[in-house]
PDB file of N, CA and C in Angstrom:
ATOM      1  N   MET A   1     -26.208   5.956 128.926  1.00  0.00           N
ATOM      2  CA  MET A   1     -24.879   5.681 128.370  1.00  0.00           C
ATOM      3  C   MET A   1     -23.679   6.587 129.218  1.00  0.00           C
ATOM      4  N   VAL A   2     -23.975   7.370 130.146  1.00  0.00           N
ATOM      5  CA  VAL A   2     -22.908   8.451 130.600  1.00  0.00           C
ATOM      6  C   VAL A   2     -22.258   7.806 131.707  1.00  0.00           C
ATOM      7  N   ALA A   3     -21.000   7.709 131.655  1.00  0.00           N
ATOM      8  CA  ALA A   3     -20.094   6.904 132.732  1.00  0.00           C
ATOM      9  C   ALA A   3     -20.225   8.004 133.865  1.00  0.00           C
ATOM     10  N   GLN A   4     -20.402   7.017 135.156  1.00  0.00           N
ATOM     11  CA  GLN A   4     -20.137   8.113 136.536  1.00  0.00           C
ATOM     12  C   GLN A   4     -18.747   8.199 136.797  1.00  0.00           C
ATOM     13  N   ALA A   5     -18.319   9.405 137.065  1.00  0.00           N
ATOM     14  CA  ALA A   5     -16.801   9.627 137.531  1.00  0.00           C
ATOM     15  C   ALA A   5     -16.488   8.840 138.825  1.00  0.00           C
ATOM     16  N   GLY A   6     -17.586   8.472 139.910  1.00  0.00           N
ATOM     17  CA  GLY A   6     -17.105   8.084 141.004  1.00  0.00           C
ATOM     18  C   GLY A   6     -16.729   6.605 140.877  1.00  0.00           C
ATOM     19  N   GLU A   7     -17.163   5.699 139.923  1.00  0.00           N
ATOM     20  CA  GLU A   7     -17.107   4.652 139.700  1.00  0.00           C
ATOM     21  C   GLU A   7     -15.761   4.055 139.038  1.00  0.00           C
ATOM     22  N   GLY A   8     -15.082   5.101 138.384  1.00  0.00           N
ATOM     23  CA  GLY A   8     -13.918   4.580 137.488  1.00  0.00           C
ATOM     24  C   GLY A   8     -12.990   3.552 138.121  1.00  0.00           C
ATOM     25  N   PRO A   9     -12.434   3.989 139.197  1.00  0.00           N
ATOM     26  CA  PRO A   9     -11.097   3.309 139.478  1.00  0.00           C
ATOM     27  C   PRO A   9     -11.836   1.621 139.869  1.00  0.00           C
ATOM     28  N   ILE A  10     -12.967   1.560 140.532  1.00  0.00           N
ATOM     29  CA  ILE A  10     -13.248   0.393 140.815  1.00  0.00           C
ATOM     30  C   ILE A  10     -13.627  -0.608 139.458  1.00  0.00           C
ATOM     31  N   LEU A  11     -14.318   0.194 138.471  1.00  0.00           N
ATOM     32  CA  LEU A  11     -14.504  -0.625 137.452  1.00  0.00           C
ATOM     33  C   LEU A  11     -13.344  -1.030 136.588  1.00  0.00           C
ATOM     34  N   LEU A  12     -12.370  -0.124 136.807  1.00  0.00           N
ATOM     35  CA  LEU A  12     -10.873  -0.672 136.292  1.00  0.00           C
ATOM     36  C   LEU A  12     -10.458  -1.670 136.929  1.00  0.00           C
ATOM     37  N   VAL A  13     -10.490  -1.811 138.134  1.00  0.00           N
ATOM     38  CA  VAL A  13      -9.946  -2.886 139.331  1.00  0.00           C
ATOM     39  C   VAL A  13     -10.451  -3.955 138.607  1.00  0.00           C
ATOM     40  N   LYS A  14     -11.993  -4.124 138.323  1.00  0.00           N
ATOM     41  CA  LYS A  14     -12.704  -5.318 138.034  1.00  0.00           C
ATOM     42  C   LYS A  14     -12.271  -5.717 136.540  1.00  0.00           C
ATOM     43  N   LYS A  15     -12.182  -4.794 135.868  1.00  0.00           N
ATOM     44  CA  LYS A  15     -11.658  -5.214 134.388  1.00  0.00           C
ATOM     45  C   LYS A  15     -10.262  -5.760 134.399  1.00  0.00           C
ATOM     46  N   LEU A  16      -9.339  -5.095 135.133  1.00  0.00           N
ATOM     47  CA  LEU A  16      -8.034  -5.383 135.094  1.00  0.00           C
ATOM     48  C   LEU A  16      -7.945  -6.923 136.075  1.00  0.00           C
ATOM     49  N   GLY A  17      -8.642  -7.064 137.131  1.00  0.00           N
ATOM     50  CA  GLY A  17      -8.588  -8.021 137.872  1.00  0.00           C
ATOM     51  C   GLY A  17      -9.240  -9.379 137.096  1.00  0.00           C
ATOM     52  N   GLY A  18     -10.177  -9.132 136.456  1.00  0.00           N
ATOM     53  CA  GLY A  18     -10.998 -10.023 135.558  1.00  0.00           C
ATOM     54  C   GLY A  18      -9.774 -10.710 134.532  1.00  0.00           C
ATOM     55  N   LEU A  19      -9.202  -9.788 133.869  1.00  0.00           N
ATOM     56  CA  LEU A  19      -8.482 -10.209 132.913  1.00  0.00           C
ATOM     57  C   LEU A  19      -6.870 -10.922 133.204  1.00  0.00           C
ATOM     58  N   ILE A  20      -6.650 -10.695 134.369  1.00  0.00           N
ATOM     59  CA  ILE A  20      -5.603 -10.970 135.033  1.00  0.00           C
ATOM     60  C   ILE A  20      -5.645 -12.537 135.387  1.00  0.00           C
ATOM     61  N   LEU A  21      -7.099 -12.640 136.059  1.00  0.00           N
ATOM     62  CA  LEU A  21      -7.633 -14.031 136.674  1.00  0.00           C
ATOM     63  C   LEU A  21      -7.623 -14.824 135.389  1.00  0.00           C
ATOM     64  N   ILE A  22      -7.948 -14.405 134.367  1.00  0.00           N
ATOM     65  CA  ILE A  22      -8.274 -15.188 133.164  1.00  0.00           C
ATOM     66  C   ILE A  22      -7.160 -15.685 132.361  1.00  0.00           C
ATOM     67  N   VAL A  23      -5.925 -14.734 132.396  1.00  0.00           N
ATOM     68  CA  VAL A  23      -4.578 -15.284 131.601  1.00  0.00           C
ATOM     69  C   VAL A  23      -4.141 -16.316 132.974  1.00  0.00           C
ATOM     70  N   LEU A  24      -4.142 -16.090 133.989  1.00  0.00           N
ATOM     71  CA  LEU A  24      -3.593 -17.096 135.218  1.00  0.00           C
ATOM     72  C   LEU A  24      -4.344 -18.482 135.063  1.00  0.00           C
ATOM     73  N   GLY A  25      -5.580 -18.188 134.654  1.00  0.00           N
ATOM     74  CA  GLY A  25      -6.459 -19.535 134.823  1.00  0.00           C
ATOM     75  C   GLY A  25      -6.022 -20.307 133.699  1.00  0.00           C
ATOM     76  N   CYS A  26      -5.850 -19.670 132.541  1.00  0.00           N
ATOM     77  CA  CYS A  26      -5.453 -20.246 131.338  1.00  0.00           C
ATOM     78  C   CYS A  26      -4.012 -20.755 131.287  1.00  0.00           C
ATOM     79  N   LEU A  27      -3.186 -20.011 131.892  1.00  0.00           N
ATOM     80  CA  LEU A  27      -1.711 -20.482 132.338  1.00  0.00           C
ATOM     81  C   LEU A  27      -1.662 -21.740 133.155  1.00  0.00           C
ATOM     82  N   LEU A  28      -2.445 -22.102 134.285  1.00  0.00           N
ATOM     83  CA  LEU A  28      -2.263 -22.837 135.194  1.00  0.00           C
ATOM     84  C   LEU A  28      -3.246 -24.072 134.719  1.00  0.00           C
ATOM     85  N   ILE A  29      -4.217 -23.846 133.669  1.00  0.00           N
ATOM     86  CA  ILE A  29      -4.920 -25.032 132.848  1.00  0.00           C
ATOM     87  C   ILE A  29      -3.795 -25.727 131.910  1.00  0.00           C
ATOM     88  N   ALA A  30      -3.207 -24.903 131.437  1.00  0.00           N
ATOM     89  CA  ALA A  30      -2.085 -25.395 130.341  1.00  0.00           C
ATOM     90  C   ALA A  30      -0.993 -26.102 130.920  1.00  0.00           C
ATOM     91  N   THR A  31      -0.423 -25.605 132.133  1.00  0.00           N
ATOM     92  CA  THR A  31       0.730 -26.154 132.567  1.00  0.00           C
ATOM     93  C   THR A  31       0.050 -27.422 133.353  1.00  0.00           C
ATOM     94  N   GLY A  32      -1.112 -27.454 133.811  1.00  0.00           N
ATOM     95  CA  GLY A  32      -1.566 -28.535 134.389  1.00  0.00           C
ATOM     96  C   GLY A  32      -1.967 -29.979 133.507  1.00  0.00           C
ATOM     97  N   LEU A  33      -2.309 -29.304 132.384  1.00  0.00           N
ATOM     98  CA  LEU A  33      -2.525 -30.469 131.480  1.00  0.00           C
ATOM     99  C   LEU A  33      -1.123 -30.953 130.846  1.00  0.00           C
ATOM    100  N   ASN A  34       0.092 -30.392 130.928  1.00  0.00           N
ATOM    101  CA  ASN A  34       1.180 -30.803 130.429  1.00  0.00           C
ATOM    102  C   ASN A  34       1.988 -31.401 131.552  1.00  0.00           C
ATOM    103  N   TRP A  35       1.710 -31.140 132.701  1.00  0.00           N
ATOM    104  CA  TRP A  35       2.325 -32.104 133.691  1.00  0.00           C
ATOM    105  C   TRP A  35       1.599 -33.117 134.228  1.00  0.00           C
ATOM    106  N   GLY A  36       0.186 -33.034 134.101  1.00  0.00           N
ATOM    107  CA  GLY A  36      -0.850 -33.990 134.306  1.00  0.00           C
ATOM    108  C   GLY A  36      -1.296 -34.065 135.997  1.00  0.00           C
ATOM    109  N   THR A  37      -1.323 -32.700 136.435  1.00  0.00           N
ATOM    110  CA  THR A  37      -1.701 -32.397 137.840  1.00  0.00           C
ATOM    111  C   THR A  37      -2.974 -32.098 137.978  1.00  0.00           C
ATOM    112  N   THR A  38      -4.039 -32.857 138.327  1.00  0.00           N
ATOM    113  CA  THR A  38      -5.404 -32.392 138.351  1.00  0.00           C
ATOM    114  C   THR A  38      -5.725 -31.315 139.321  1.00  0.00           C
ATOM    115  N   LEU A  39      -5.044 -31.067 140.436  1.00  0.00           N
ATOM    116  CA  LEU A  39      -5.263 -30.035 141.270  1.00  0.00           C
ATOM    117  C   LEU A  39      -4.892 -28.602 140.666  1.00  0.00           C
ATOM    118  N   GLN A  40      -3.969 -28.550 139.978  1.00  0.00           N
ATOM    119  CA  GLN A  40      -3.324 -27.410 139.052  1.00  0.00           C
ATOM    120  C   GLN A  40      -4.506 -26.967 138.101  1.00  0.00           C
ATOM    121  N   ILE A  41      -5.149 -28.104 137.471  1.00  0.00           N
ATOM    122  CA  ILE A  41      -6.112 -27.830 136.462  1.00  0.00           C
ATOM    123  C   ILE A  41      -7.542 -27.183 137.053  1.00  0.00           C
ATOM    124  N   VAL A  42      -7.616 -27.972 138.167  1.00  0.00           N
ATOM    125  CA  VAL A  42      -8.960 -27.434 138.900  1.00  0.00           C
ATOM    126  C   VAL A  42      -8.739 -26.035 139.397  1.00  0.00           C
ATOM    127  N   PHE A  43      -7.489 -25.823 140.064  1.00  0.00           N
ATOM    128  CA  PHE A  43      -7.283 -24.256 140.256  1.00  0.00           C
ATOM    129  C   PHE A  43      -7.370 -23.310 139.199  1.00  0.00           C
ATOM    130  N   GLY A  44      -6.933 -23.778 138.214  1.00  0.00           N
ATOM    131  CA  GLY A  44      -6.975 -23.088 136.891  1.00  0.00           C
ATOM    132  C   GLY A  44      -8.394 -22.711 136.308  1.00  0.00           C
ATOM    133  N   VAL A  45      -9.164 -23.881 136.533  1.00  0.00           N
ATOM    134  CA  VAL A  45     -10.431 -23.621 135.994  1.00  0.00           C
ATOM    135  C   VAL A  45     -11.154 -22.672 137.003  1.00  0.00           C
ATOM    136  N   LEU A  46     -11.047 -22.713 138.351  1.00  0.00           N
ATOM    137  CA  LEU A  46     -11.683 -21.654 139.119  1.00  0.00           C
ATOM    138  C   LEU A  46     -11.268 -20.246 138.815  1.00  0.00           C
ATOM    139  N   LEU A  47     -10.023 -20.333 138.815  1.00  0.00           N
ATOM    140  CA  LEU A  47      -9.308 -18.820 138.456  1.00  0.00           C
ATOM    141  C   LEU A  47     -10.011 -18.096 137.305  1.00  0.00           C
ATOM    142  N   LEU A  48     -10.222 -18.904 136.127  1.00  0.00           N
ATOM    143  CA  LEU A  48     -10.691 -18.620 134.890  1.00  0.00           C
ATOM    144  C   LEU A  48     -12.299 -18.283 135.122  1.00  0.00           C
ATOM    145  N   ALA A  49     -12.984 -19.382 135.886  1.00  0.00           N
ATOM    146  CA  ALA A  49     -14.476 -19.014 136.110  1.00  0.00           C
ATOM    147  C   ALA A  49     -14.606 -17.660 136.914  1.00  0.00           C
ATOM    148  N   ALA A  50     -13.803 -17.325 137.980  1.00  0.00           N
ATOM    149  CA  ALA A  50     -13.708 -15.809 138.712  1.00  0.00           C
ATOM    150  C   ALA A  50     -13.684 -14.836 137.869  1.00  0.00           C
ATOM    151  N   GLY A  51     -12.449 -14.717 136.953  1.00  0.00           N
ATOM    152  CA  GLY A  51     -12.074 -13.779 135.856  1.00  0.00           C
ATOM    153  C   GLY A  51     -13.364 -13.650 134.836  1.00  0.00           C
ATOM    154  N   VAL A  52     -13.942 -14.778 134.565  1.00  0.00           N
ATOM    155  CA  VAL A  52     -15.187 -14.511 133.672  1.00  0.00           C
ATOM    156  C   VAL A  52     -16.395 -13.710 134.276  1.00  0.00           C
ATOM    157  N   ALA A  53     -16.418 -14.146 135.510  1.00  0.00           N
ATOM    158  CA  ALA A  53     -17.724 -13.915 136.357  1.00  0.00           C
ATOM    159  C   ALA A  53     -17.228 -12.180 136.738  1.00  0.00           C
ATOM    160  N   LEU A  54     -16.052 -11.890 136.979  1.00  0.00           N
ATOM    161  CA  LEU A  54     -15.700 -10.464 137.180  1.00  0.00           C
ATOM    162  C   LEU A  54     -16.303  -9.607 136.012  1.00  0.00           C
ATOM    163  N   LEU A  55     -15.675  -9.953 134.784  1.00  0.00           N
ATOM    164  CA  LEU A  55     -15.880  -9.216 133.334  1.00  0.00           C
ATOM    165  C   LEU A  55     -17.295  -9.237 133.336  1.00  0.00           C
ATOM    166  N   VAL A  56     -18.066 -10.236 133.592  1.00  0.00           N
ATOM    167  CA  VAL A  56     -19.814 -10.668 133.194  1.00  0.00           C
ATOM    168  C   VAL A  56     -20.600  -9.385 133.895  1.00  0.00           C
ATOM    169  N   LEU A  57     -19.880  -9.555 135.339  1.00  0.00           N
ATOM    170  CA  LEU A  57     -20.576  -8.350 136.441  1.00  0.00           C
ATOM    171  C   LEU A  57     -20.545  -7.102 135.880  1.00  0.00           C
ATOM    172  N   LYS A  58     -19.244  -6.921 135.395  1.00  0.00           N
ATOM    173  CA  LYS A  58     -19.016  -5.365 135.135  1.00  0.00           C
ATOM    174  C   LYS A  58     -19.690  -5.101 133.718  1.00  0.00           C
ATOM    175  N   ILE A  59     -19.911  -6.041 132.910  1.00  0.00           N
ATOM    176  CA  ILE A  59     -20.703  -5.688 131.704  1.00  0.00           C
ATOM    177  C   ILE A  59     -22.283  -5.717 131.820  1.00  0.00           C
ATOM    178  N   VAL A  60     -22.602  -6.412 132.826  1.00  0.00           N
ATOM    179  CA  VAL A  60     -24.213  -6.336 133.190  1.00  0.00           C
ATOM    180  C   VAL A  60     -24.491  -5.116 133.925  1.00  0.00           C
ATOM    181  N   ARG A  61     -23.493  -4.426 134.693  1.00  0.00           N
ATOM    182  CA  ARG A  61     -23.622  -3.381 135.487  1.00  0.00           C
ATOM    183  C   ARG A  61     -23.687  -2.143 134.542  1.00  0.00           C
ATOM    184  N   ARG A  62     -22.859  -2.368 133.584  1.00  0.00           N
ATOM    185  CA  ARG A  62     -22.691  -1.129 132.501  1.00  0.00           C
ATOM    186  C   ARG A  62     -23.763  -1.042 131.645  1.00  0.00           C
ATOM    187  N   ASN A  63     -24.303  -2.204 131.372  1.00  0.00           N
ATOM    188  CA  ASN A  63     -25.414  -2.147 130.466  1.00  0.00           C
ATOM    189  C   ASN A  63     -26.905  -2.187 131.349  1.00  0.00           C
ATOM    190  N   GLN A  64     -26.875  -1.770 132.865  1.00  0.00           N
ATOM    191  CA  GLN A  64     -28.022  -1.707 133.166  1.00  0.00           C
ATOM    192  C   GLN A  64     -28.780   0.111 132.849  1.00  0.00           C
ATOM    193  N   SER A  65     -30.079  -0.001 132.397  1.00  0.00           N
ATOM    194  CA  SER A  65     -30.299   1.549 132.149  1.00  0.00           C
ATOM    195  C   SER A  65     -31.720   1.670 132.625  1.00  0.00           C
ATOM    196  N   SER A  66     -32.097   2.827 132.617  1.00  0.00           N
ATOM    197  CA  SER A  66     -33.347   3.245 133.126  1.00  0.00           C
ATOM    198  C   SER A  66     -34.357   2.712 131.918  1.00  0.00           C
ATOM    199  N   PRO A  67     -35.556   2.372 132.539  1.00  0.00           N
ATOM    200  CA  PRO A  67     -36.593   1.993 131.678  1.00  0.00           C
ATOM    201  C   PRO A  67     -36.859   3.327 130.551  1.00  0.00           C
ATOM    202  N   LEU A  68     -37.117   3.170 129.303  1.00  0.00           N
ATOM    203  CA  LEU A  68     -37.525   4.215 128.537  1.00  0.00           C
ATOM    204  C   LEU A  68     -39.070   4.562 128.808  1.00  0.00           C
ATOM    205  N   ARG A  69     -39.222   5.789 128.732  1.00  0.00           N
ATOM    206  CA  ARG A  69     -40.317   6.314 128.938  1.00  0.00           C
ATOM    207  C   ARG A  69     -40.898   7.087 127.746  1.00  0.00           C
TER     208      ARG A  69
END
């Protein structure tokens, strides 16, 4: 469970990038639903999915551990 110093900035970028993509995706979905534009809703869903994928990859990588001996 020890963090490696060499991976700090990359993990921070993934976390912040994922959160920004999730927020932008939600905003695009909300405005797309309000204005009734399908393309904007689809683009918002894609951004939302990309943000969730980045966060999931970060969590999976962090939780990888060596087998117990």
